[in-house]
């Protein structure tokens, strides 16, 4: 998960048009690979010279939390791909997925732990 330093609730909110939250399993992905995936997803083709260190300098952080926090609150976790990437969807009964993530963002943030900055840029 990625969020701006200081306010981890942003890591758990959907952007306009998103149906689910894009996450990575910590046992299958490094913090660096998560930051590299963010760079690749935002710029096609990836902007030359943009590095995970640049994102950290801009205030981005990778956070970890137990999957059980999502599942215990009814969120639906998809299967991870080979890189550890998976989607999380709102519990049944929510017409607007963003509302579910907004409602639980502070709960998720309380259980999240920022990955140390030096680990975020490990190769």
PDB file of N, CA and C in Angstrom:
ATOM      1  N   UNK A   1       0.842  -1.162   0.000  1.00  0.00           N
ATOM      2  CA  UNK A   1       0.000   0.000   0.000  1.00  0.00           C
ATOM      3  C   UNK A   1       0.886   1.223   0.000  1.00  0.00           C
ATOM      4  N   UNK A   2       0.351   2.252  -0.545  1.00  0.00           N
ATOM      5  CA  UNK A   2       1.132   3.477  -0.641  1.00  0.00           C
ATOM      6  C   UNK A   2       0.304   4.610  -0.063  1.00  0.00           C
ATOM      7  N   UNK A   3       0.911   5.489   0.655  1.00  0.00           N
ATOM      8  CA  UNK A   3       0.212   6.640   1.196  1.00  0.00           C
ATOM      9  C   UNK A   3       1.176   7.769   1.469  1.00  0.00           C
ATOM     10  N   UNK A   4       0.642   8.964   1.546  1.00  0.00           N
ATOM     11  CA  UNK A   4       1.478  10.114   1.869  1.00  0.00           C
ATOM     12  C   UNK A   4       1.877  10.037   3.336  1.00  0.00           C
ATOM     13  N   UNK A   5       3.095  10.453   3.620  1.00  0.00           N
ATOM     14  CA  UNK A   5       3.598  10.443   4.991  1.00  0.00           C
ATOM     15  C   UNK A   5       2.681  11.272   5.878  1.00  0.00           C
ATOM     16  N   UNK A   6       2.402  10.761   7.062  1.00  0.00           N
ATOM     17  CA  UNK A   6       1.622  11.506   8.034  1.00  0.00           C
ATOM     18  C   UNK A   6       0.148  11.170   8.036  1.00  0.00           C
ATOM     19  N   UNK A   7      -0.436  10.887   6.891  1.00  0.00           N
ATOM     20  CA  UNK A   7      -1.865  10.570   6.822  1.00  0.00           C
ATOM     21  C   UNK A   7      -2.038   9.247   6.100  1.00  0.00           C
ATOM     22  N   UNK A   8      -2.035   8.182   6.852  1.00  0.00           N
ATOM     23  CA  UNK A   8      -2.130   6.859   6.246  1.00  0.00           C
ATOM     24  C   UNK A   8      -3.523   6.535   5.740  1.00  0.00           C
ATOM     25  N   UNK A   9      -4.545   7.309   6.139  1.00  0.00           N
ATOM     26  CA  UNK A   9      -5.889   7.032   5.627  1.00  0.00           C
ATOM     27  C   UNK A   9      -5.936   7.166   4.103  1.00  0.00           C
ATOM     28  N   UNK A  10      -5.086   8.017   3.540  1.00  0.00           N
ATOM     29  CA  UNK A  10      -5.075   8.197   2.084  1.00  0.00           C
ATOM     30  C   UNK A  10      -4.682   6.920   1.362  1.00  0.00           C
ATOM     31  N   UNK A  11      -3.928   6.051   2.026  1.00  0.00           N
ATOM     32  CA  UNK A  11      -3.513   4.791   1.416  1.00  0.00           C
ATOM     33  C   UNK A  11      -4.689   3.832   1.231  1.00  0.00           C
ATOM     34  N   UNK A  12      -5.792   4.115   1.909  1.00  0.00           N
ATOM     35  CA  UNK A  12      -6.926   3.188   1.899  1.00  0.00           C
ATOM     36  C   UNK A  12      -8.184   3.786   1.279  1.00  0.00           C
ATOM     37  N   UNK A  13      -8.048   4.851   0.531  1.00  0.00           N
ATOM     38  CA  UNK A  13      -9.200   5.457  -0.122  1.00  0.00           C
ATOM     39  C   UNK A  13      -9.101   5.255  -1.621  1.00  0.00           C
ATOM     40  N   UNK A  14     -10.245   5.121  -2.253  1.00  0.00           N
ATOM     41  CA  UNK A  14     -10.292   4.915  -3.698  1.00  0.00           C
ATOM     42  C   UNK A  14     -10.238   6.247  -4.426  1.00  0.00           C
ATOM     43  N   UNK A  15      -9.599   6.223  -5.587  1.00  0.00           N
ATOM     44  CA  UNK A  15      -9.642   7.383  -6.472  1.00  0.00           C
ATOM     45  C   UNK A  15     -10.882   7.279  -7.340  1.00  0.00           C
ATOM     46  N   UNK A  16     -11.271   8.381  -7.928  1.00  0.00           N
ATOM     47  CA  UNK A  16     -12.463   8.422  -8.766  1.00  0.00           C
ATOM     48  C   UNK A  16     -12.415   7.308  -9.822  1.00  0.00           C
ATOM     49  N   UNK A  17     -13.509   6.578  -9.921  1.00  0.00           N
ATOM     50  CA  UNK A  17     -13.631   5.529 -10.921  1.00  0.00           C
ATOM     51  C   UNK A  17     -13.087   4.168 -10.514  1.00  0.00           C
ATOM     52  N   UNK A  18     -12.383   4.082  -9.396  1.00  0.00           N
ATOM     53  CA  UNK A  18     -11.844   2.797  -8.957  1.00  0.00           C
ATOM     54  C   UNK A  18     -12.942   1.973  -8.283  1.00  0.00           C
ATOM     55  N   UNK A  19     -12.922   0.679  -8.541  1.00  0.00           N
ATOM     56  CA  UNK A  19     -13.892  -0.242  -7.926  1.00  0.00           C
ATOM     57  C   UNK A  19     -13.285  -0.979  -6.740  1.00  0.00           C
ATOM     58  N   UNK A  20     -11.959  -1.033  -6.695  1.00  0.00           N
ATOM     59  CA  UNK A  20     -11.272  -1.734  -5.616  1.00  0.00           C
ATOM     60  C   UNK A  20      -9.932  -1.094  -5.336  1.00  0.00           C
ATOM     61  N   UNK A  21      -9.313  -1.561  -4.278  1.00  0.00           N
ATOM     62  CA  UNK A  21      -8.018  -1.040  -3.865  1.00  0.00           C
ATOM     63  C   UNK A  21      -6.939  -2.019  -4.310  1.00  0.00           C
ATOM     64  N   UNK A  22      -5.889  -1.488  -4.909  1.00  0.00           N
ATOM     65  CA  UNK A  22      -4.783  -2.285  -5.414  1.00  0.00           C
ATOM     66  C   UNK A  22      -3.729  -2.427  -4.324  1.00  0.00           C
ATOM     67  N   UNK A  23      -3.471  -3.665  -3.906  1.00  0.00           N
ATOM     68  CA  UNK A  23      -2.528  -3.923  -2.820  1.00  0.00           C
ATOM     69  C   UNK A  23      -1.500  -4.975  -3.237  1.00  0.00           C
ATOM     70  N   UNK A  24      -0.491  -5.155  -2.399  1.00  0.00           N
ATOM     71  CA  UNK A  24       0.554  -6.163  -2.616  1.00  0.00           C
ATOM     72  C   UNK A  24       0.767  -6.937  -1.325  1.00  0.00           C
ATOM     73  N   UNK A  25       1.029  -8.219  -1.446  1.00  0.00           N
ATOM     74  CA  UNK A  25       1.348  -9.041  -0.281  1.00  0.00           C
ATOM     75  C   UNK A  25       2.811  -8.855   0.071  1.00  0.00           C
ATOM     76  N   UNK A  26       3.075  -8.586   1.334  1.00  0.00           N
ATOM     77  CA  UNK A  26       4.439  -8.324   1.794  1.00  0.00           C
ATOM     78  C   UNK A  26       5.341  -9.542   1.671  1.00  0.00           C
ATOM     79  N   UNK A  27       4.764 -10.731   1.672  1.00  0.00           N
ATOM     80  CA  UNK A  27       5.601 -11.925   1.546  1.00  0.00           C
ATOM     81  C   UNK A  27       5.957 -12.224   0.087  1.00  0.00           C
ATOM     82  N   UNK A  28       5.365 -11.498  -0.856  1.00  0.00           N
ATOM     83  CA  UNK A  28       5.629 -11.716  -2.277  1.00  0.00           C
ATOM     84  C   UNK A  28       6.211 -10.497  -2.986  1.00  0.00           C
ATOM     85  N   UNK A  29       6.181  -9.347  -2.342  1.00  0.00           N
ATOM     86  CA  UNK A  29       6.665  -8.109  -2.970  1.00  0.00           C
ATOM     87  C   UNK A  29       7.489  -7.308  -1.960  1.00  0.00           C
ATOM     88  N   UNK A  30       8.526  -6.665  -2.450  1.00  0.00           N
ATOM     89  CA  UNK A  30       9.310  -5.776  -1.591  1.00  0.00           C
ATOM     90  C   UNK A  30       8.708  -4.374  -1.650  1.00  0.00           C
ATOM     91  N   UNK A  31       9.065  -3.561  -0.697  1.00  0.00           N
ATOM     92  CA  UNK A  31       8.612  -2.174  -0.728  1.00  0.00           C
ATOM     93  C   UNK A  31       9.087  -1.488  -2.001  1.00  0.00           C
ATOM     94  N   UNK A  32      10.312  -1.769  -2.409  1.00  0.00           N
ATOM     95  CA  UNK A  32      10.857  -1.174  -3.628  1.00  0.00           C
ATOM     96  C   UNK A  32      10.039  -1.588  -4.856  1.00  0.00           C
ATOM     97  N   UNK A  33       9.675  -2.870  -4.948  1.00  0.00           N
ATOM     98  CA  UNK A  33       8.901  -3.315  -6.110  1.00  0.00           C
ATOM     99  C   UNK A  33       7.510  -2.683  -6.142  1.00  0.00           C
ATOM    100  N   UNK A  34       6.949  -2.405  -4.970  1.00  0.00           N
ATOM    101  CA  UNK A  34       5.654  -1.708  -4.918  1.00  0.00           C
ATOM    102  C   UNK A  34       5.808  -0.291  -5.464  1.00  0.00           C
ATOM    103  N   UNK A  35       6.857   0.401  -5.037  1.00  0.00           N
ATOM    104  CA  UNK A  35       7.092   1.760  -5.542  1.00  0.00           C
ATOM    105  C   UNK A  35       7.364   1.745  -7.042  1.00  0.00           C
ATOM    106  N   UNK A  36       8.102   0.754  -7.531  1.00  0.00           N
ATOM    107  CA  UNK A  36       8.358   0.650  -8.973  1.00  0.00           C
ATOM    108  C   UNK A  36       7.067   0.395  -9.739  1.00  0.00           C
ATOM    109  N   UNK A  37       6.170  -0.390  -9.177  1.00  0.00           N
ATOM    110  CA  UNK A  37       4.881  -0.641  -9.825  1.00  0.00           C
ATOM    111  C   UNK A  37       4.045   0.631  -9.906  1.00  0.00           C
ATOM    112  N   UNK A  38       4.121   1.460  -8.869  1.00  0.00           N
ATOM    113  CA  UNK A  38       3.397   2.742  -8.887  1.00  0.00           C
ATOM    114  C   UNK A  38       3.945   3.626 -10.008  1.00  0.00           C
ATOM    115  N   UNK A  39       5.249   3.683 -10.132  1.00  0.00           N
ATOM    116  CA  UNK A  39       5.864   4.489 -11.197  1.00  0.00           C
ATOM    117  C   UNK A  39       5.414   3.983 -12.556  1.00  0.00           C
ATOM    118  N   UNK A  40       5.456   2.674 -12.762  1.00  0.00           N
ATOM    119  CA  UNK A  40       5.066   2.086 -14.050  1.00  0.00           C
ATOM    120  C   UNK A  40       3.593   2.314 -14.358  1.00  0.00           C
ATOM    121  N   UNK A  41       2.739   2.253 -13.343  1.00  0.00           N
ATOM    122  CA  UNK A  41       1.301   2.423 -13.551  1.00  0.00           C
ATOM    123  C   UNK A  41       0.925   3.860 -13.882  1.00  0.00           C
ATOM    124  N   UNK A  42       1.687   4.799 -13.388  1.00  0.00           N
ATOM    125  CA  UNK A  42       1.360   6.217 -13.593  1.00  0.00           C
ATOM    126  C   UNK A  42       1.879   6.763 -14.907  1.00  0.00           C
ATOM    127  N   UNK A  43       2.886   6.147 -15.467  1.00  0.00           N
ATOM    128  CA  UNK A  43       3.473   6.664 -16.702  1.00  0.00           C
ATOM    129  C   UNK A  43       3.736   5.517 -17.664  1.00  0.00           C
ATOM    130  N   UNK A  44       3.041   5.523 -18.779  1.00  0.00           N
ATOM    131  CA  UNK A  44       3.256   4.507 -19.821  1.00  0.00           C
ATOM    132  C   UNK A  44       3.760   5.191 -21.067  1.00  0.00           C
ATOM    133  N   UNK A  45       4.956   4.943 -21.535  1.00  0.00           N
ATOM    134  CA  UNK A  45       5.971   4.113 -20.885  1.00  0.00           C
ATOM    135  C   UNK A  45       6.516   4.824 -19.648  1.00  0.00           C
ATOM    136  N   UNK A  46       7.155   4.070 -18.743  1.00  0.00           N
ATOM    137  CA  UNK A  46       7.688   4.696 -17.529  1.00  0.00           C
ATOM    138  C   UNK A  46       8.621   5.860 -17.852  1.00  0.00           C
ATOM    139  N   UNK A  47       8.488   6.926 -17.089  1.00  0.00           N
ATOM    140  CA  UNK A  47       9.336   8.099 -17.274  1.00  0.00           C
ATOM    141  C   UNK A  47      10.768   7.751 -16.887  1.00  0.00           C
ATOM    142  N   UNK A  48      11.708   7.925 -17.822  1.00  0.00           N
ATOM    143  CA  UNK A  48      13.096   7.606 -17.498  1.00  0.00           C
ATOM    144  C   UNK A  48      13.591   8.444 -16.325  1.00  0.00           C
ATOM    145  N   UNK A  49      14.338   7.809 -15.446  1.00  0.00           N
ATOM    146  CA  UNK A  49      14.952   8.538 -14.347  1.00  0.00           C
ATOM    147  C   UNK A  49      14.122   8.639 -13.090  1.00  0.00           C
ATOM    148  N   UNK A  50      12.806   8.341 -13.136  1.00  0.00           N
ATOM    149  CA  UNK A  50      11.993   8.387 -11.924  1.00  0.00           C
ATOM    150  C   UNK A  50      12.271   7.109 -11.132  1.00  0.00           C
ATOM    151  N   UNK A  51      12.589   7.270  -9.861  1.00  0.00           N
ATOM    152  CA  UNK A  51      12.988   6.135  -9.030  1.00  0.00           C
ATOM    153  C   UNK A  51      12.102   6.023  -7.784  1.00  0.00           C
ATOM    154  N   UNK A  52      12.137   4.872  -7.130  1.00  0.00           N
ATOM    155  CA  UNK A  52      11.437   4.756  -5.850  1.00  0.00           C
ATOM    156  C   UNK A  52      11.907   5.808  -4.841  1.00  0.00           C
ATOM    157  N   UNK A  53      13.187   6.141  -4.885  1.00  0.00           N
ATOM    158  CA  UNK A  53      13.710   7.177  -3.988  1.00  0.00           C
ATOM    159  C   UNK A  53      13.023   8.520  -4.233  1.00  0.00           C
ATOM    160  N   UNK A  54      12.689   8.804  -5.497  1.00  0.00           N
ATOM    161  CA  UNK A  54      11.969  10.042  -5.823  1.00  0.00           C
ATOM    162  C   UNK A  54      10.597  10.060  -5.150  1.00  0.00           C
ATOM    163  N   UNK A  55       9.907   8.921  -5.178  1.00  0.00           N
ATOM    164  CA  UNK A  55       8.594   8.855  -4.529  1.00  0.00           C
ATOM    165  C   UNK A  55       8.715   9.047  -3.016  1.00  0.00           C
ATOM    166  N   UNK A  56       9.724   8.421  -2.417  1.00  0.00           N
ATOM    167  CA  UNK A  56       9.943   8.596  -0.973  1.00  0.00           C
ATOM    168  C   UNK A  56      10.231  10.063  -0.671  1.00  0.00           C
ATOM    169  N   UNK A  57      11.033  10.719  -1.516  1.00  0.00           N
ATOM    170  CA  UNK A  57      11.344  12.144  -1.318  1.00  0.00           C
ATOM    171  C   UNK A  57      10.095  13.007  -1.437  1.00  0.00           C
ATOM    172  N   UNK A  58       9.111  12.549  -2.231  1.00  0.00           N
ATOM    173  CA  UNK A  58       7.850  13.287  -2.397  1.00  0.00           C
ATOM    174  C   UNK A  58       6.870  13.018  -1.257  1.00  0.00           C
ATOM    175  N   UNK A  59       7.248  12.124  -0.318  1.00  0.00           N
ATOM    176  CA  UNK A  59       6.399  11.874   0.835  1.00  0.00           C
ATOM    177  C   UNK A  59       5.651  10.557   0.796  1.00  0.00           C
ATOM    178  N   UNK A  60       5.848   9.758  -0.237  1.00  0.00           N
ATOM    179  CA  UNK A  60       5.178   8.463  -0.299  1.00  0.00           C
ATOM    180  C   UNK A  60       5.841   7.466   0.636  1.00  0.00           C
ATOM    181  N   UNK A  61       5.028   6.594   1.209  1.00  0.00           N
ATOM    182  CA  UNK A  61       5.515   5.536   2.079  1.00  0.00           C
ATOM    183  C   UNK A  61       4.755   4.256   1.750  1.00  0.00           C
ATOM    184  N   UNK A  62       5.401   3.145   1.942  1.00  0.00           N
ATOM    185  CA  UNK A  62       4.763   1.847   1.817  1.00  0.00           C
ATOM    186  C   UNK A  62       4.381   1.424   3.224  1.00  0.00           C
ATOM    187  N   UNK A  63       3.153   0.928   3.375  1.00  0.00           N
ATOM    188  CA  UNK A  63       2.692   0.491   4.693  1.00  0.00           C
ATOM    189  C   UNK A  63       2.291  -0.979   4.640  1.00  0.00           C
ATOM    190  N   UNK A  64       2.337  -1.609   5.792  1.00  0.00           N
ATOM    191  CA  UNK A  64       1.905  -2.990   5.933  1.00  0.00           C
ATOM    192  C   UNK A  64       0.817  -3.069   6.978  1.00  0.00           C
ATOM    193  N   UNK A  65      -0.090  -4.025   6.794  1.00  0.00           N
ATOM    194  CA  UNK A  65      -1.084  -4.340   7.809  1.00  0.00           C
ATOM    195  C   UNK A  65      -1.550  -5.771   7.582  1.00  0.00           C
ATOM    196  N   UNK A  66      -2.062  -6.405   8.618  1.00  0.00           N
ATOM    197  CA  UNK A  66      -2.550  -7.776   8.455  1.00  0.00           C
ATOM    198  C   UNK A  66      -3.766  -7.823   7.522  1.00  0.00           C
ATOM    199  N   UNK A  67      -3.797  -8.823   6.644  1.00  0.00           N
ATOM    200  CA  UNK A  67      -4.955  -8.992   5.757  1.00  0.00           C
ATOM    201  C   UNK A  67      -6.222  -9.237   6.561  1.00  0.00           C
ATOM    202  N   UNK A  68      -6.069  -9.797   7.749  1.00  0.00           N
ATOM    203  CA  UNK A  68      -7.245 -10.094   8.572  1.00  0.00           C
ATOM    204  C   UNK A  68      -8.038  -8.831   8.900  1.00  0.00           C
ATOM    205  N   UNK A  69      -7.383  -7.684   8.942  1.00  0.00           N
ATOM    206  CA  UNK A  69      -8.104  -6.434   9.218  1.00  0.00           C
ATOM    207  C   UNK A  69      -9.106  -6.157   8.090  1.00  0.00           C
ATOM    208  N   UNK A  70      -8.706  -6.432   6.871  1.00  0.00           N
ATOM    209  CA  UNK A  70      -9.618  -6.276   5.729  1.00  0.00           C
ATOM    210  C   UNK A  70     -10.730  -7.317   5.795  1.00  0.00           C
ATOM    211  N   UNK A  71     -10.330  -8.569   5.924  1.00  0.00           N
ATOM    212  CA  UNK A  71     -11.288  -9.673   5.885  1.00  0.00           C
ATOM    213  C   UNK A  71     -12.252  -9.630   7.066  1.00  0.00           C
ATOM    214  N   UNK A  72     -11.776  -9.265   8.243  1.00  0.00           N
ATOM    215  CA  UNK A  72     -12.647  -9.202   9.424  1.00  0.00           C
ATOM    216  C   UNK A  72     -13.710  -8.119   9.303  1.00  0.00           C
ATOM    217  N   UNK A  73     -13.478  -7.144   8.424  1.00  0.00           N
ATOM    218  CA  UNK A  73     -14.451  -6.076   8.197  1.00  0.00           C
ATOM    219  C   UNK A  73     -15.268  -6.313   6.935  1.00  0.00           C
ATOM    220  N   UNK A  74     -15.204  -7.534   6.396  1.00  0.00           N
ATOM    221  CA  UNK A  74     -16.049  -7.916   5.276  1.00  0.00           C
ATOM    222  C   UNK A  74     -15.505  -7.600   3.898  1.00  0.00           C
ATOM    223  N   UNK A  75     -14.299  -7.050   3.806  1.00  0.00           N
ATOM    224  CA  UNK A  75     -13.737  -6.729   2.499  1.00  0.00           C
ATOM    225  C   UNK A  75     -13.318  -8.013   1.799  1.00  0.00           C
ATOM    226  N   UNK A  76     -13.436  -8.015   0.488  1.00  0.00           N
ATOM    227  CA  UNK A  76     -13.186  -9.202  -0.319  1.00  0.00           C
ATOM    228  C   UNK A  76     -11.818  -9.067  -0.983  1.00  0.00           C
ATOM    229  N   UNK A  77     -10.918  -9.980  -0.650  1.00  0.00           N
ATOM    230  CA  UNK A  77      -9.552  -9.942  -1.183  1.00  0.00           C
ATOM    231  C   UNK A  77      -9.417 -10.942  -2.320  1.00  0.00           C
ATOM    232  N   UNK A  78      -8.977 -10.461  -3.473  1.00  0.00           N
ATOM    233  CA  UNK A  78      -8.732 -11.328  -4.610  1.00  0.00           C
ATOM    234  C   UNK A  78      -7.452 -12.117  -4.425  1.00  0.00           C
ATOM    235  N   UNK A  79      -7.215 -13.049  -5.331  1.00  0.00           N
ATOM    236  CA  UNK A  79      -5.994 -13.857  -5.278  1.00  0.00           C
ATOM    237  C   UNK A  79      -4.817 -13.038  -5.802  1.00  0.00           C
ATOM    238  N   UNK A  80      -3.656 -13.160  -5.173  1.00  0.00           N
ATOM    239  CA  UNK A  80      -2.485 -12.413  -5.648  1.00  0.00           C
ATOM    240  C   UNK A  80      -1.920 -13.021  -6.928  1.00  0.00           C
ATOM    241  N   UNK A  81      -1.344 -12.154  -7.767  1.00  0.00           N
ATOM    242  CA  UNK A  81      -0.631 -12.651  -8.939  1.00  0.00           C
ATOM    243  C   UNK A  81       0.804 -12.999  -8.520  1.00  0.00           C
ATOM    244  N   UNK A  82       1.636 -13.349  -9.475  1.00  0.00           N
ATOM    245  CA  UNK A  82       2.996 -13.790  -9.167  1.00  0.00           C
ATOM    246  C   UNK A  82       3.854 -12.696  -8.537  1.00  0.00           C
ATOM    247  N   UNK A  83       3.470 -11.421  -8.730  1.00  0.00           N
ATOM    248  CA  UNK A  83       4.205 -10.308  -8.128  1.00  0.00           C
ATOM    249  C   UNK A  83       3.674  -9.944  -6.745  1.00  0.00           C
ATOM    250  N   UNK A  84       2.596 -10.613  -6.316  1.00  0.00           N
ATOM    251  CA  UNK A  84       1.998 -10.296  -5.025  1.00  0.00           C
ATOM    252  C   UNK A  84       0.862  -9.292  -5.107  1.00  0.00           C
ATOM    253  N   UNK A  85       0.550  -8.809  -6.300  1.00  0.00           N
ATOM    254  CA  UNK A  85      -0.507  -7.813  -6.478  1.00  0.00           C
ATOM    255  C   UNK A  85      -1.883  -8.475  -6.396  1.00  0.00           C
ATOM    256  N   UNK A  86      -2.798  -7.817  -5.693  1.00  0.00           N
ATOM    257  CA  UNK A  86      -4.186  -8.276  -5.643  1.00  0.00           C
ATOM    258  C   UNK A  86      -5.108  -7.091  -5.435  1.00  0.00           C
ATOM    259  N   UNK A  87      -6.383  -7.302  -5.696  1.00  0.00           N
ATOM    260  CA  UNK A  87      -7.402  -6.269  -5.523  1.00  0.00           C
ATOM    261  C   UNK A  87      -8.249  -6.588  -4.299  1.00  0.00           C
ATOM    262  N   UNK A  88      -8.681  -5.536  -3.631  1.00  0.00           N
ATOM    263  CA  UNK A  88      -9.588  -5.664  -2.492  1.00  0.00           C
ATOM    264  C   UNK A  88     -10.854  -4.895  -2.851  1.00  0.00           C
ATOM    265  N   UNK A  89     -11.994  -5.530  -2.607  1.00  0.00           N
ATOM    266  CA  UNK A  89     -13.278  -4.939  -2.955  1.00  0.00           C
ATOM    267  C   UNK A  89     -14.127  -4.724  -1.706  1.00  0.00           C
ATOM    268  N   UNK A  90     -15.057  -3.787  -1.804  1.00  0.00           N
ATOM    269  CA  UNK A  90     -15.938  -3.448  -0.690  1.00  0.00           C
ATOM    270  C   UNK A  90     -16.815  -4.634  -0.306  1.00  0.00           C
ATOM    271  N   UNK A  91     -17.220  -4.663   0.961  1.00  0.00           N
ATOM    272  CA  UNK A  91     -18.139  -5.725   1.389  1.00  0.00           C
ATOM    273  C   UNK A  91     -19.453  -5.649   0.618  1.00  0.00           C
ATOM    274  N   UNK A  92     -20.135  -6.775   0.528  1.00  0.00           N
ATOM    275  CA  UNK A  92     -21.462  -6.782  -0.095  1.00  0.00           C
ATOM    276  C   UNK A  92     -22.362  -5.795   0.634  1.00  0.00           C
ATOM    277  N   UNK A  93     -23.246  -5.178  -0.119  1.00  0.00           N
ATOM    278  CA  UNK A  93     -24.197  -4.258   0.480  1.00  0.00           C
ATOM    279  C   UNK A  93     -23.863  -2.789   0.275  1.00  0.00           C
ATOM    280  N   UNK A  94     -22.665  -2.485  -0.202  1.00  0.00           N
ATOM    281  CA  UNK A  94     -22.295  -1.102  -0.469  1.00  0.00           C
ATOM    282  C   UNK A  94     -22.570  -0.797  -1.940  1.00  0.00           C
ATOM    283  N   UNK A  95     -23.426   0.195  -2.184  1.00  0.00           N
ATOM    284  CA  UNK A  95     -23.735   0.590  -3.563  1.00  0.00           C
ATOM    285  C   UNK A  95     -22.526   1.297  -4.165  1.00  0.00           C
ATOM    286  N   UNK A  96     -21.879   2.129  -3.382  1.00  0.00           N
ATOM    287  CA  UNK A  96     -20.705   2.889  -3.834  1.00  0.00           C
ATOM    288  C   UNK A  96     -19.473   2.365  -3.099  1.00  0.00           C
ATOM    289  N   UNK A  97     -18.575   1.671  -3.803  1.00  0.00           N
ATOM    290  CA  UNK A  97     -17.396   1.102  -3.129  1.00  0.00           C
ATOM    291  C   UNK A  97     -16.566   2.135  -2.365  1.00  0.00           C
ATOM    292  N   UNK A  98     -16.445   3.331  -2.907  1.00  0.00           N
ATOM    293  CA  UNK A  98     -15.626   4.353  -2.247  1.00  0.00           C
ATOM    294  C   UNK A  98     -16.135   4.639  -0.833  1.00  0.00           C
ATOM    295  N   UNK A  99     -17.443   4.545  -0.625  1.00  0.00           N
ATOM    296  CA  UNK A  99     -18.010   4.819   0.698  1.00  0.00           C
ATOM    297  C   UNK A  99     -17.522   3.802   1.727  1.00  0.00           C
ATOM    298  N   UNK A 100     -17.400   2.546   1.329  1.00  0.00           N
ATOM    299  CA  UNK A 100     -16.924   1.520   2.259  1.00  0.00           C
ATOM    300  C   UNK A 100     -15.477   1.783   2.648  1.00  0.00           C
ATOM    301  N   UNK A 101     -14.645   2.091   1.653  1.00  0.00           N
ATOM    302  CA  UNK A 101     -13.238   2.346   1.957  1.00  0.00           C
ATOM    303  C   UNK A 101     -13.090   3.613   2.801  1.00  0.00           C
ATOM    304  N   UNK A 102     -13.886   4.621   2.508  1.00  0.00           N
ATOM    305  CA  UNK A 102     -13.833   5.856   3.303  1.00  0.00           C
ATOM    306  C   UNK A 102     -14.245   5.582   4.745  1.00  0.00           C
ATOM    307  N   UNK A 103     -15.287   4.775   4.927  1.00  0.00           N
ATOM    308  CA  UNK A 103     -15.770   4.454   6.271  1.00  0.00           C
ATOM    309  C   UNK A 103     -14.708   3.722   7.093  1.00  0.00           C
ATOM    310  N   UNK A 104     -13.937   2.855   6.475  1.00  0.00           N
ATOM    311  CA  UNK A 104     -12.973   2.027   7.206  1.00  0.00           C
ATOM    312  C   UNK A 104     -11.535   2.537   7.118  1.00  0.00           C
ATOM    313  N   UNK A 105     -11.275   3.610   6.386  1.00  0.00           N
ATOM    314  CA  UNK A 105      -9.902   4.098   6.188  1.00  0.00           C
ATOM    315  C   UNK A 105      -9.183   4.367   7.503  1.00  0.00           C
ATOM    316  N   UNK A 106      -9.850   4.970   8.464  1.00  0.00           N
ATOM    317  CA  UNK A 106      -9.171   5.259   9.738  1.00  0.00           C
ATOM    318  C   UNK A 106      -8.893   3.972  10.516  1.00  0.00           C
ATOM    319  N   UNK A 107      -9.787   2.991  10.420  1.00  0.00           N
ATOM    320  CA  UNK A 107      -9.549   1.688  11.057  1.00  0.00           C
ATOM    321  C   UNK A 107      -8.326   1.023  10.447  1.00  0.00           C
ATOM    322  N   UNK A 108      -8.267   1.018   9.126  1.00  0.00           N
ATOM    323  CA  UNK A 108      -7.127   0.416   8.447  1.00  0.00           C
ATOM    324  C   UNK A 108      -5.834   1.145   8.809  1.00  0.00           C
ATOM    325  N   UNK A 109      -5.891   2.464   8.824  1.00  0.00           N
ATOM    326  CA  UNK A 109      -4.696   3.263   9.136  1.00  0.00           C
ATOM    327  C   UNK A 109      -4.177   2.970  10.540  1.00  0.00           C
ATOM    328  N   UNK A 110      -5.078   2.727  11.477  1.00  0.00           N
ATOM    329  CA  UNK A 110      -4.658   2.397  12.854  1.00  0.00           C
ATOM    330  C   UNK A 110      -3.878   1.086  12.903  1.00  0.00           C
ATOM    331  N   UNK A 111      -4.183   0.169  12.003  1.00  0.00           N
ATOM    332  CA  UNK A 111      -3.517  -1.136  11.980  1.00  0.00           C
ATOM    333  C   UNK A 111      -2.309  -1.163  11.053  1.00  0.00           C
ATOM    334  N   UNK A 112      -2.117  -0.117  10.289  1.00  0.00           N
ATOM    335  CA  UNK A 112      -1.021  -0.062   9.321  1.00  0.00           C
ATOM    336  C   UNK A 112       0.267   0.378  10.002  1.00  0.00           C
ATOM    337  N   UNK A 113       1.344  -0.126   9.485  1.00  0.00           N
ATOM    338  CA  UNK A 113       2.662   0.227   9.994  1.00  0.00           C
ATOM    339  C   UNK A 113       3.512   0.649   8.802  1.00  0.00           C
ATOM    340  N   UNK A 114       4.104   1.823   8.902  1.00  0.00           N
ATOM    341  CA  UNK A 114       4.951   2.314   7.822  1.00  0.00           C
ATOM    342  C   UNK A 114       6.212   1.472   7.748  1.00  0.00           C
ATOM    343  N   UNK A 115       6.544   1.061   6.530  1.00  0.00           N
ATOM    344  CA  UNK A 115       7.790   0.337   6.304  1.00  0.00           C
ATOM    345  C   UNK A 115       8.910   1.364   6.415  1.00  0.00           C
ATOM    346  N   UNK A 116       9.976   1.010   7.109  1.00  0.00           N
ATOM    347  CA  UNK A 116      11.079   1.956   7.298  1.00  0.00           C
ATOM    348  C   UNK A 116      11.580   2.496   5.983  1.00  0.00           C
ATOM    349  N   UNK A 117      11.902   3.781   5.954  1.00  0.00           N
ATOM    350  CA  UNK A 117      12.340   4.444   4.722  1.00  0.00           C
ATOM    351  C   UNK A 117      13.522   3.737   4.059  1.00  0.00           C
ATOM    352  N   UNK A 118      14.477   3.270   4.846  1.00  0.00           N
ATOM    353  CA  UNK A 118      15.636   2.612   4.226  1.00  0.00           C
ATOM    354  C   UNK A 118      15.227   1.291   3.575  1.00  0.00           C
ATOM    355  N   UNK A 119      14.171   0.652   4.043  1.00  0.00           N
ATOM    356  CA  UNK A 119      13.692  -0.572   3.411  1.00  0.00           C
ATOM    357  C   UNK A 119      12.929  -0.260   2.135  1.00  0.00           C
ATOM    358  N   UNK A 120      12.292   0.905   2.080  1.00  0.00           N
ATOM    359  CA  UNK A 120      11.506   1.269   0.903  1.00  0.00           C
ATOM    360  C   UNK A 120      12.384   1.442  -0.329  1.00  0.00           C
ATOM    361  N   UNK A 121      13.638   1.690  -0.115  1.00  0.00           N
ATOM    362  CA  UNK A 121      14.505   1.911  -1.265  1.00  0.00           C
ATOM    363  C   UNK A 121      15.562   0.816  -1.415  1.00  0.00           C
ATOM    364  N   UNK A 122      15.436  -0.250  -0.626  1.00  0.00           N
ATOM    365  CA  UNK A 122      16.351  -1.382  -0.800  1.00  0.00           C
ATOM    366  C   UNK A 122      16.182  -1.969  -2.189  1.00  0.00           C
ATOM    367  N   UNK A 123      17.243  -2.420  -2.758  1.00  0.00           N
ATOM    368  CA  UNK A 123      17.172  -3.027  -4.100  1.00  0.00           C
ATOM    369  C   UNK A 123      16.824  -4.447  -3.949  1.00  0.00           C
TER     370      UNK A 123
END
